[in-house]
Structure formats: structure tokens, C-alpha cells
Amino acid sequence: MFKSYRKLVALATVLSVSALTTACANETAKDTKKAASQQSEETATSGASRTYENGKKVIDGGMTYPVKNGKTSSYHVNTQKAYQDVKFGRTATPDEIKAWDMDIMPDGTGLPEGKGSVEEGDEIYEAKCASCHFDFGTGGAGYPALQQGNAYEIKETLKLQRLNPDDDGPKRNFGSYWPYASTLWWYIKTGMPHPAPMSLTDDEVYALVAYTLSINEIKIDGEEIDDEFVLSKENFSKIVMPNKDGFVPNIDGENGLENVRKFYDDPKNFGGNKKRCMKDCFEGEPKVARIVGAGISDYNPPLSSKKEKPAKKESSSPGNEAKEAYEASCAVCHATDAMGAPAVGDKKTWEATLKKGIDKVYHNSIHGINGMPPKGGTTFDDKKMKTIVDYMINQSK
């Protein structure tokens, strides 16, 4: 949770650390000491506890319920030993674990050997990333922006709130919001480019991370990086992101769970009350804050309560209809050759493609081939797919 929103987005913060409860649950097996003697009136009645057996508090203020007479609270528990003979396979080998464990930690643990420069990253980006994230990572057409200017300046927008229709809101992107660059390395390596994840070499990933740092104007050791800057495993730990300390509570390191416990042990951190409560939380009527004057009233065209589907727009010709369908659903991959698909306008590539025969081209477009899903992931019928293929061919002669 960003510090400026500590009280306004308390529920979002609770959700952000909910994944930690699994880690806390493991602590119940450490010892079998008696639970803390002080329990509230309602928990004493049910046998539920706000602590684990080792005496530590449940991390999110929830409850643990002991199994008694085959039930936890009012819920029945399956106590049968139905799974005692289940075979769970063999222990994974060290090499299998190594192949599966692809995490890159904030301290650099997990980073492979390799290096890449900003200049190299620029070239790789233009070839494999710009078709979705656009020039200089500005984003568009549903794909996120990788930068929106100087990250140190954009970070200040995270404090903004839209109280009026024309107010600027917070700008969250890699440079302004992400606390660690290691997450970017891992995400590019395992998930990008979208049609071909895991296809980039380690050197290419280092280069793309370096380029992304550059367009966000991130400084390393107080110096802005230029095109010649080379990022590697050795200097990766020197990257300090602008928003590194913008989240509370601090969940990093060996004391992460205890930091979370201490944070939620003080209700003032997430709501202002002196104690946790489910009823009678306020004295008198609570004050409800309302934003006055916000909202849009002069809609153009005016709002309508009619349920009919909008009239279908008639294309001036079948050719225009195919063009519109191509631009809406196919151009993201076929506008350039960055995705490995035949680029519209590339005469030689289409001549080679058509050597298979037009029926084969139609078949591949309808049933999919390589990284292309059937019908490009659309719901077009076979006839419409053929008209789109015809349009792409005609534009490539």
C-alpha cells in the first residue's frame, strides 16, 4: 500500500498481504505451546483463538478454530483417514527443482550470468516489443505503458486523487510504482514477448531491462544511464527504484511477518479506531465524506435506458469490412514481422507463404498455426476469415 493512501485504502492493504497468511500457518507446526490465555468473550465461548498454538497472532486479525467433536465452530470436518495410502510420487531431484525455481529476488538471488546494453535493448525492443507497447514504451491499444516520463517526477502523482472530473489521477507504471527491478527481469524472461514467452536469451533480457530503466530516466549510483550503459548481474543490485520505500507494512526479509503483525496490531494504521471492532465502532453517527460537484452530467450523446442493441454499421464495401476486421483483430501481430507472422505489405514473405496454396493459407488462418490461435483468437466465421486473408494478400502485392 502506498503511504499516502494508508487510511483510504485499508481494505486493499489487507488483501495485499493476505498471501502471507499461508506462510504464517506454517508456524503452527513449530511448537505446541498453549495458546495465549487472554481471549475475548466471544472467542472463549467458541474455543476459537486469535493466536496460533505457538502463541503468535493470526496475521490478518482472523481466527483459528480447533477441531472439536468433528467440527470447527459450526462447520463439520472430514476426519476420515481416506488419503493415508495415497502415493505422492518421488522427491524432486536438485536439477528438477533448479529448472522449476525461476524466481529473481530483490537482492539479485536467481539472476543468471549475462549482460546487455541500453543500445542493444533499444534494437530488441523495436523488433519484438514496440508492436504492442509502442514507441518508447508509451503503451496503447490496451497494452500498458512502460513509462510516462521521468520516474522520480511521475512518482509524485501517486499522491493524487480525482476529486473533480478533470483532475489528474495517479500514474502507475514500472518506473513510478514498482519497488524492485528484479521483478521486471523475471517477468520479461518468463512472459515476454507475449506470443513467444521464454524465447529471449538472458543477454537480451538484461538489455531490455536496461532499456526500460533508460526510458524511465532511472539513475544508478546517482548517474543517469546512457546508450552505452551495460547492465549485468554484477551491477544489478545498484538499481534503486524511486518507489522502493512506498509500501507499508514492510514484508521483506526475515522479519517480514512480524512487521505485518505489528502493523495490524495498531488499528490506527488502517482506519483510525482505537481497537478492532465489528459493531459499535463509532460513538454516535459516523461521518460520511462525500465528494461534491464531481461527476459528469452533460453526456454527449445523452444517456439512454433503452436495452436494444445498437444498429449495425453498414460497411461501404466488403473490402472495407475486411480492412476494419484486420485492423481491429489482426494488425497487432501482422502489422510488422516482430511477432513472427507474415507482415502485411511484405511482398516476398507473402509470395513464399502463398507457395503452399491459397487453400492451405485459409486452413492455417482458420485452424491456427505455430503461435497463432485458430482464427486469431476471434469468433469470426470461416467466410469472414477468408475475406481478411484476401485483404492481407491484396495489400502485400
Protein backbone atom coordinates (compact mmCIF):
# COMPACT_ATOMS: atom_id res chain seq x y z
CA MET A 1 0.00 0.00 0.00
CA PHE A 2 1.34 3.41 -0.91
CA LYS A 3 1.91 5.54 2.18
CA SER A 4 -0.31 8.44 1.14
CA TYR A 5 -3.35 6.19 0.97
CA ARG A 6 -2.86 4.43 4.29
CA LYS A 7 -6.29 5.21 5.66
CA LEU A 8 -8.20 5.47 2.40
CA VAL A 9 -7.40 2.05 1.01
CA ALA A 10 -7.16 -0.06 4.14
CA LEU A 11 -9.08 -2.95 2.62
CA ALA A 12 -6.73 -3.04 -0.36
CA THR A 13 -3.83 -3.32 2.04
CA VAL A 14 -5.41 -6.24 3.86
CA LEU A 15 -5.77 -8.02 0.54
CA SER A 16 -2.19 -7.20 -0.43
CA VAL A 17 -0.83 -9.20 2.49
CA SER A 18 -3.41 -11.99 2.50
CA ALA A 19 -0.95 -14.23 0.70
CA LEU A 20 1.25 -14.06 3.78
CA THR A 21 -1.31 -15.94 5.87
CA THR A 22 -0.24 -19.20 4.25
CA ALA A 23 3.31 -18.60 5.43
CA CYS A 24 2.06 -17.82 8.90
CA ALA A 25 0.02 -21.01 9.00
CA ASN A 26 3.23 -22.98 8.76
CA GLU A 27 4.24 -21.59 12.14
CA THR A 28 1.57 -23.68 13.87
CA ALA A 29 3.74 -26.75 13.45
CA LYS A 30 6.79 -25.24 15.16
CA ASP A 31 5.67 -26.00 18.69
CA THR A 32 2.58 -26.96 20.66
CA LYS A 33 2.63 -24.40 23.43
CA LYS A 34 -0.70 -23.40 24.86
CA ALA A 35 -2.48 -20.53 23.08
CA ALA A 36 -2.42 -17.16 24.75
CA SER A 37 -4.66 -17.14 27.82
CA GLN A 38 -6.31 -13.82 27.06
CA GLN A 39 -9.15 -14.27 24.61
CA SER A 40 -12.19 -12.11 24.01
CA GLU A 41 -15.59 -13.13 25.36
CA GLU A 42 -16.86 -14.41 22.03
CA THR A 43 -13.73 -16.44 21.26
CA ALA A 44 -13.66 -18.03 24.69
CA THR A 45 -17.17 -19.35 24.13
CA SER A 46 -16.42 -20.97 20.77
CA GLY A 47 -12.91 -22.14 21.55
CA ALA A 48 -11.60 -20.04 18.66
CA SER A 49 -8.41 -18.11 19.12
CA ARG A 50 -6.72 -15.07 17.65
CA THR A 51 -3.40 -16.83 18.14
CA TYR A 52 -1.72 -19.92 16.80
CA GLU A 53 -0.61 -22.74 19.07
CA ASN A 54 2.82 -21.14 19.24
CA GLY A 55 1.30 -18.01 20.77
CA LYS A 56 1.73 -15.75 17.75
CA LYS A 57 -1.18 -13.69 16.48
CA VAL A 58 -3.05 -14.56 13.32
CA ILE A 59 -1.59 -12.14 10.84
CA ASP A 60 -4.77 -10.59 9.46
CA GLY A 61 -6.79 -10.46 12.68
CA GLY A 62 -8.73 -13.58 11.75
CA MET A 63 -9.41 -16.63 13.86
CA THR A 64 -8.21 -20.21 14.17
CA TYR A 65 -10.73 -22.86 15.18
CA PRO A 66 -9.75 -26.14 16.87
CA VAL A 67 -11.39 -29.37 15.71
CA LYS A 68 -13.83 -30.47 18.42
CA ASN A 69 -16.35 -33.29 18.03
CA GLY A 70 -15.58 -33.40 14.34
CA LYS A 71 -16.34 -29.71 13.84
CA THR A 72 -14.63 -26.32 13.73
CA SER A 73 -17.14 -23.85 15.09
CA SER A 74 -20.36 -24.82 13.28
CA TYR A 75 -18.58 -26.48 10.33
CA HIS A 76 -18.05 -30.22 10.03
CA VAL A 77 -14.57 -31.55 9.26
CA ASN A 78 -13.77 -34.75 7.40
CA THR A 79 -11.75 -36.68 9.98
CA GLN A 80 -11.55 -39.92 7.98
CA LYS A 81 -8.11 -41.18 7.02
CA ALA A 82 -9.17 -41.60 3.42
CA TYR A 83 -5.86 -40.49 1.99
CA GLN A 84 -3.40 -42.43 4.13
CA ASP A 85 -2.49 -44.83 1.32
CA VAL A 86 -2.14 -42.22 -1.42
CA LYS A 87 1.24 -42.27 -3.11
CA PHE A 88 2.59 -38.81 -3.77
CA GLY A 89 5.41 -39.71 -6.12
CA ARG A 90 9.12 -39.26 -5.60
CA THR A 91 11.21 -36.40 -4.28
CA ALA A 92 12.22 -33.95 -6.99
CA THR A 93 15.88 -34.02 -7.97
CA PRO A 94 18.07 -30.92 -7.44
CA ASP A 95 18.15 -30.33 -11.21
CA GLU A 96 14.35 -30.53 -11.41
CA ILE A 97 13.99 -28.03 -8.58
CA LYS A 98 16.52 -25.74 -10.22
CA ALA A 99 14.62 -25.84 -13.52
CA TRP A 100 11.35 -25.05 -11.75
CA ASP A 101 12.70 -22.32 -9.47
CA MET A 102 12.88 -19.26 -11.73
CA ASP A 103 12.33 -16.56 -9.10
CA ILE A 104 14.52 -13.46 -9.17
CA MET A 105 14.69 -11.95 -5.70
CA PRO A 106 15.16 -8.24 -4.85
CA ASP A 107 18.72 -8.88 -3.66
CA GLY A 108 19.62 -10.43 -7.02
CA THR A 109 19.36 -14.05 -5.95
CA GLY A 110 18.43 -16.09 -9.01
CA LEU A 111 19.89 -13.73 -11.60
CA PRO A 112 21.89 -15.63 -14.25
CA GLU A 113 25.16 -14.57 -15.76
CA GLY A 114 24.76 -12.21 -18.69
CA LYS A 115 24.81 -8.60 -19.80
CA GLY A 116 23.13 -6.21 -22.19
CA SER A 117 23.39 -2.54 -23.09
CA VAL A 118 20.71 0.14 -23.42
CA GLU A 119 21.51 0.44 -27.13
CA GLU A 120 21.06 -3.30 -27.66
CA GLY A 121 17.84 -3.19 -25.68
CA ASP A 122 16.53 -0.41 -27.92
CA GLU A 123 17.06 -2.59 -31.00
CA ILE A 124 15.44 -5.65 -29.41
CA TYR A 125 12.53 -3.55 -28.20
CA GLU A 126 11.84 -2.17 -31.67
CA ALA A 127 11.92 -5.68 -33.12
CA LYS A 128 9.94 -7.60 -30.50
CA CYS A 129 8.12 -5.22 -28.15
CA ALA A 130 7.15 -1.99 -29.89
CA SER A 131 4.28 -3.59 -31.83
CA CYS A 132 2.37 -3.87 -28.53
CA HIS A 133 3.93 -1.32 -26.17
CA PHE A 134 4.51 1.27 -28.93
CA ASP A 135 7.45 3.64 -29.39
CA PHE A 136 9.48 4.32 -26.25
CA GLY A 137 7.12 2.22 -24.13
CA THR A 138 4.27 4.73 -24.23
CA GLY A 139 1.63 1.97 -24.43
CA GLY A 140 -1.68 1.92 -26.27
CA ALA A 141 -4.40 -0.26 -27.79
CA GLY A 142 -4.94 -1.98 -24.45
CA TYR A 143 -1.24 -2.63 -23.75
CA PRO A 144 0.32 -0.96 -20.68
CA ALA A 145 2.74 1.93 -20.80
CA LEU A 146 6.22 1.10 -19.56
CA GLN A 147 6.96 4.74 -18.81
CA GLN A 148 5.19 8.10 -18.66
CA GLY A 149 8.15 10.39 -18.22
CA ASN A 150 10.79 10.86 -15.55
CA ALA A 151 10.06 8.19 -12.93
CA TYR A 152 11.11 10.39 -10.00
CA GLU A 153 8.67 13.09 -11.05
CA ILE A 154 5.86 10.71 -12.03
CA LYS A 155 6.10 9.03 -8.62
CA GLU A 156 4.70 12.19 -7.05
CA THR A 157 1.42 11.64 -8.94
CA LEU A 158 0.76 8.60 -6.73
CA LYS A 159 -0.45 11.07 -4.09
CA LEU A 160 -3.14 12.48 -6.37
CA GLN A 161 -6.85 11.80 -6.02
CA ARG A 162 -9.56 12.54 -8.58
CA LEU A 163 -11.90 14.78 -6.61
CA ASN A 164 -13.14 16.56 -9.72
CA PRO A 165 -13.79 15.24 -13.25
CA ASP A 166 -10.78 17.00 -14.79
CA ASP A 167 -8.33 16.19 -12.01
CA ASP A 168 -5.25 14.15 -12.85
CA GLY A 169 -5.02 10.78 -11.18
CA PRO A 170 -2.03 8.69 -10.11
CA LYS A 171 0.20 7.28 -12.85
CA ARG A 172 1.34 3.75 -12.08
CA ASN A 173 3.93 2.15 -14.31
CA PHE A 174 7.20 0.31 -13.92
CA GLY A 175 9.28 3.41 -13.17
CA SER A 176 6.93 5.19 -10.79
CA TYR A 177 5.34 2.30 -8.91
CA TRP A 178 7.34 -0.95 -8.97
CA PRO A 179 9.63 -1.24 -5.93
CA TYR A 180 12.18 -3.63 -7.48
CA ALA A 181 13.71 -4.03 -10.93
CA SER A 182 14.23 -7.76 -10.31
CA THR A 183 10.51 -8.32 -10.92
CA LEU A 184 10.86 -6.81 -14.39
CA TRP A 185 13.76 -9.13 -15.26
CA TRP A 186 11.70 -12.17 -14.18
CA TYR A 187 8.56 -11.03 -15.98
CA ILE A 188 10.29 -10.33 -19.29
CA LYS A 189 12.16 -13.64 -19.15
CA THR A 190 9.16 -15.81 -18.32
CA GLY A 191 6.31 -13.99 -20.06
CA MET A 192 7.54 -11.84 -22.95
CA PRO A 193 7.12 -11.39 -25.82
CA HIS A 194 3.50 -12.42 -25.36
CA PRO A 195 3.26 -14.84 -28.31
CA ALA A 196 6.62 -16.45 -27.54
CA PRO A 197 7.49 -16.46 -23.81
CA MET A 198 10.85 -17.92 -22.75
CA SER A 199 12.24 -17.21 -26.23
CA LEU A 200 14.62 -14.40 -25.16
CA THR A 201 18.19 -15.11 -24.14
CA ASP A 202 19.48 -13.90 -20.78
CA ASP A 203 21.58 -11.25 -22.52
CA GLU A 204 18.50 -9.98 -24.38
CA VAL A 205 16.59 -9.72 -21.10
CA TYR A 206 19.39 -7.73 -19.48
CA ALA A 207 19.36 -5.41 -22.49
CA LEU A 208 15.59 -4.90 -22.36
CA VAL A 209 15.68 -4.16 -18.62
CA ALA A 210 18.48 -1.65 -19.24
CA TYR A 211 16.43 -0.01 -21.99
CA THR A 212 13.33 0.17 -19.77
CA LEU A 213 15.37 1.79 -17.00
CA SER A 214 16.69 4.28 -19.54
CA ILE A 215 13.30 5.43 -20.88
CA ASN A 216 12.15 5.90 -17.27
CA GLU A 217 15.27 8.04 -16.64
CA ILE A 218 16.26 5.88 -13.68
CA LYS A 219 19.60 6.81 -12.13
CA ILE A 220 22.17 4.26 -10.97
CA ASP A 221 24.70 5.42 -8.40
CA GLY A 222 23.27 8.92 -8.88
CA GLU A 223 24.08 8.96 -12.60
CA GLU A 224 21.65 8.86 -15.50
CA ILE A 225 22.37 5.91 -17.76
CA ASP A 226 23.18 6.46 -21.43
CA ASP A 227 23.05 4.23 -24.52
CA GLU A 228 26.45 2.70 -23.70
CA PHE A 229 25.42 1.61 -20.21
CA VAL A 230 25.70 -2.17 -19.79
CA LEU A 231 23.54 -3.95 -17.22
CA SER A 232 24.76 -7.24 -15.78
CA LYS A 233 24.41 -9.50 -12.77
CA GLU A 234 27.30 -7.67 -11.14
CA ASN A 235 25.77 -4.17 -11.15
CA PHE A 236 22.08 -5.11 -10.98
CA SER A 237 21.98 -4.66 -7.19
CA LYS A 238 22.88 -0.98 -7.64
CA ILE A 239 19.43 -0.27 -9.10
CA VAL A 240 17.29 1.55 -6.53
CA MET A 241 13.75 2.16 -7.75
CA PRO A 242 12.10 5.51 -6.85
CA ASN A 243 9.18 3.87 -5.04
CA LYS A 244 11.19 1.25 -3.14
CA ASP A 245 10.02 2.54 0.24
CA GLY A 246 6.50 3.48 -0.84
CA PHE A 247 4.69 0.47 0.61
CA VAL A 248 3.64 -0.42 4.15
CA PRO A 249 3.96 -2.64 6.04
CA ASN A 250 7.44 -3.85 5.16
CA ILE A 251 7.04 -7.51 4.21
CA ASP A 252 10.65 -8.10 3.11
CA GLY A 253 13.30 -10.08 4.90
CA GLU A 254 13.29 -12.43 7.87
CA ASN A 255 11.19 -10.02 9.96
CA GLY A 256 8.53 -9.53 7.30
CA LEU A 257 5.79 -11.47 9.08
CA GLU A 258 6.47 -9.80 12.41
CA ASN A 259 6.40 -6.37 10.75
CA VAL A 260 2.96 -7.17 9.37
CA ARG A 261 1.73 -8.36 12.78
CA LYS A 262 2.91 -5.15 14.44
CA PHE A 263 1.34 -3.03 11.71
CA TYR A 264 -2.10 -4.63 12.03
CA ASP A 265 -1.86 -4.72 15.81
CA ASP A 266 -2.39 -0.94 15.72
CA PRO A 267 -5.82 -0.16 14.18
CA LYS A 268 -4.77 3.46 13.67
CA ASN A 269 -2.64 2.26 10.76
CA PHE A 270 -5.65 1.21 8.73
CA GLY A 271 -8.73 3.06 9.95
CA GLY A 272 -8.24 5.29 12.94
CA ASN A 273 -10.17 3.29 15.54
CA LYS A 274 -8.56 2.52 18.87
CA LYS A 275 -9.43 -1.16 18.64
CA ARG A 276 -10.72 -3.76 16.21
CA CYS A 277 -14.49 -3.89 16.04
CA MET A 278 -17.37 -5.39 14.11
CA LYS A 279 -20.11 -3.29 15.76
CA ASP A 280 -20.37 -0.08 17.79
CA CYS A 281 -17.16 1.09 16.16
CA PHE A 282 -18.06 4.77 16.42
CA GLU A 283 -19.61 6.98 19.03
CA GLY A 284 -22.76 8.43 17.56
CA GLU A 285 -23.39 8.53 13.84
CA PRO A 286 -20.34 8.06 11.64
CA LYS A 287 -19.49 10.97 9.36
CA VAL A 288 -19.75 10.10 5.70
CA ALA A 289 -17.49 12.07 3.37
CA ARG A 290 -18.99 12.92 0.02
CA ILE A 291 -17.32 14.46 -2.98
CA VAL A 292 -19.40 17.46 -4.01
CA GLY A 293 -19.58 18.55 -7.60
CA ALA A 294 -17.78 15.53 -9.07
CA GLY A 295 -19.23 13.52 -11.88
CA ILE A 296 -20.39 14.13 -15.43
CA SER A 297 -23.91 15.28 -16.14
CA ASP A 298 -23.76 16.68 -19.66
CA TYR A 299 -23.23 13.44 -21.56
CA ASN A 300 -22.99 13.69 -25.33
CA PRO A 301 -24.81 11.76 -26.64
CA PRO A 302 -27.24 11.75 -23.68
CA LEU A 303 -27.52 8.62 -21.54
CA SER A 304 -30.20 6.17 -22.62
CA SER A 305 -32.04 3.46 -20.71
CA LYS A 306 -33.01 1.56 -23.87
CA LYS A 307 -31.95 -2.09 -23.97
CA GLU A 308 -31.87 -2.57 -27.73
CA LYS A 309 -28.62 -3.45 -29.43
CA PRO A 310 -27.12 -0.55 -31.38
CA ALA A 311 -27.82 -0.56 -35.08
CA LYS A 312 -25.20 -2.44 -37.03
CA LYS A 313 -22.96 -0.17 -39.00
CA GLU A 314 -23.02 -0.95 -42.68
CA SER A 315 -19.65 -1.04 -44.36
CA SER A 316 -19.43 0.75 -47.65
CA SER A 317 -18.00 -2.40 -49.25
CA PRO A 318 -16.82 -5.93 -48.36
CA GLY A 319 -13.26 -4.69 -48.74
CA ASN A 320 -13.73 -2.04 -46.07
CA GLU A 321 -15.31 -4.60 -43.75
CA ALA A 322 -12.30 -6.87 -44.12
CA LYS A 323 -9.97 -3.92 -43.53
CA GLU A 324 -11.80 -2.94 -40.35
CA ALA A 325 -11.70 -6.53 -39.05
CA TYR A 326 -7.97 -6.79 -39.87
CA GLU A 327 -7.13 -3.53 -38.09
CA ALA A 328 -9.20 -4.46 -35.03
CA SER A 329 -8.09 -8.07 -34.59
CA CYS A 330 -5.10 -8.96 -36.75
CA ALA A 331 -2.85 -5.93 -37.13
CA VAL A 332 -1.35 -6.37 -33.65
CA CYS A 333 0.63 -9.33 -35.00
CA HIS A 334 0.64 -8.80 -38.77
CA ALA A 335 1.47 -5.09 -38.94
CA THR A 336 5.17 -5.96 -38.58
CA ASP A 337 7.23 -9.14 -38.53
CA ALA A 338 8.09 -8.69 -34.84
CA MET A 339 5.73 -11.47 -33.84
CA GLY A 340 7.00 -13.89 -36.45
CA ALA A 341 3.80 -13.58 -38.50
CA PRO A 342 3.79 -12.58 -42.20
CA ALA A 343 3.77 -8.78 -42.20
CA VAL A 344 1.14 -7.14 -44.37
CA GLY A 345 2.93 -5.29 -47.16
CA ASP A 346 5.93 -7.64 -47.24
CA LYS A 347 5.64 -8.90 -50.81
CA LYS A 348 8.41 -11.53 -50.63
CA THR A 349 7.12 -13.07 -47.42
CA TRP A 350 3.59 -13.41 -48.77
CA GLU A 351 4.82 -14.85 -52.05
CA ALA A 352 6.63 -17.54 -50.04
CA THR A 353 3.54 -18.11 -47.91
CA LEU A 354 1.28 -18.49 -50.96
CA LYS A 355 3.51 -21.20 -52.44
CA LYS A 356 1.66 -23.53 -50.06
CA GLY A 357 -1.52 -22.74 -51.96
CA ILE A 358 -4.37 -20.43 -51.02
CA ASP A 359 -6.39 -23.30 -49.52
CA LYS A 360 -3.55 -24.03 -47.10
CA VAL A 361 -3.33 -20.36 -46.12
CA TYR A 362 -7.08 -20.31 -45.50
CA HIS A 363 -6.79 -23.51 -43.45
CA ASN A 364 -3.98 -22.11 -41.28
CA SER A 365 -5.86 -18.88 -40.64
CA ILE A 366 -8.98 -20.78 -39.57
CA HIS A 367 -7.36 -23.60 -37.58
CA GLY A 368 -4.23 -21.81 -36.33
CA ILE A 369 -0.53 -22.39 -36.87
CA ASN A 370 2.53 -22.04 -34.62
CA GLY A 371 1.89 -19.13 -32.25
CA MET A 372 -1.30 -18.05 -33.99
CA PRO A 373 -4.50 -19.39 -32.36
CA PRO A 374 -7.46 -20.53 -34.51
CA LYS A 375 -8.99 -17.52 -36.26
CA GLY A 376 -6.50 -15.29 -34.49
CA GLY A 377 -8.44 -15.75 -31.27
CA THR A 378 -11.59 -14.15 -32.74
CA THR A 379 -15.10 -15.53 -33.18
CA PHE A 380 -15.24 -14.74 -36.90
CA ASP A 381 -16.81 -17.39 -39.13
CA ASP A 382 -14.78 -19.14 -41.81
CA LYS A 383 -16.11 -16.92 -44.59
CA LYS A 384 -15.05 -13.74 -42.84
CA MET A 385 -11.59 -15.14 -42.09
CA LYS A 386 -11.11 -15.81 -45.79
CA THR A 387 -12.06 -12.22 -46.69
CA ILE A 388 -9.49 -10.95 -44.17
CA VAL A 389 -6.82 -13.20 -45.67
CA ASP A 390 -7.73 -11.93 -49.14
CA TYR A 391 -7.41 -8.35 -47.91
CA MET A 392 -3.95 -9.03 -46.39
CA ILE A 393 -2.80 -10.68 -49.62
CA ASN A 394 -4.03 -7.80 -51.77
CA GLN A 395 -2.22 -5.30 -49.54
CA SER A 396 1.01 -7.26 -49.96
CA LYS A 397 1.20 -7.41 -53.76
